[in-house]
Amino acid sequence: MAIETTVIPVPTDQEGYLMDPADWDDDIARLLASREDIALSDAHWAVIRFMRDYYDEHLVAADARFVIKFVAEKLGKGDQARDFLFQLFPYGHAQQVCKIAGMRKPRAWSTG
């Protein structure tokens, strides 16, 4: 197993979530995604930006049903939106999206 040498330049908790969502930027997202073994595509970025925008407006992470609706409508995935979201973020999409988007760990998140 390779030893990770990249250090996130802002404070994170023990699980790698940012302590302060205001510290987030695209470079931080790339580092956090690499820790999750995710190569960010345009679709990943669209979901991440949706999450950031939703957080900025509501001060809480978007519930999965809102993310699935976004994926269905804005990414054109229709009835396949939920499965597509799981393909993008396979290891617990709620946790991975929130982590890469620079949010604190969600306490609970409906899976839609």
Foldseek 3Di string as FASTA:
>chain_A
DDDDDDDQPADDPPVQAGPDLVVDDLVSLCVLCVVLVADDDPVLVVLLVVQVVCCVVPVDGDAQVVSLVCCCPVVVCPPCSLVVCCVRVVPPSQQSSCRSSRHDGDPDHDSD
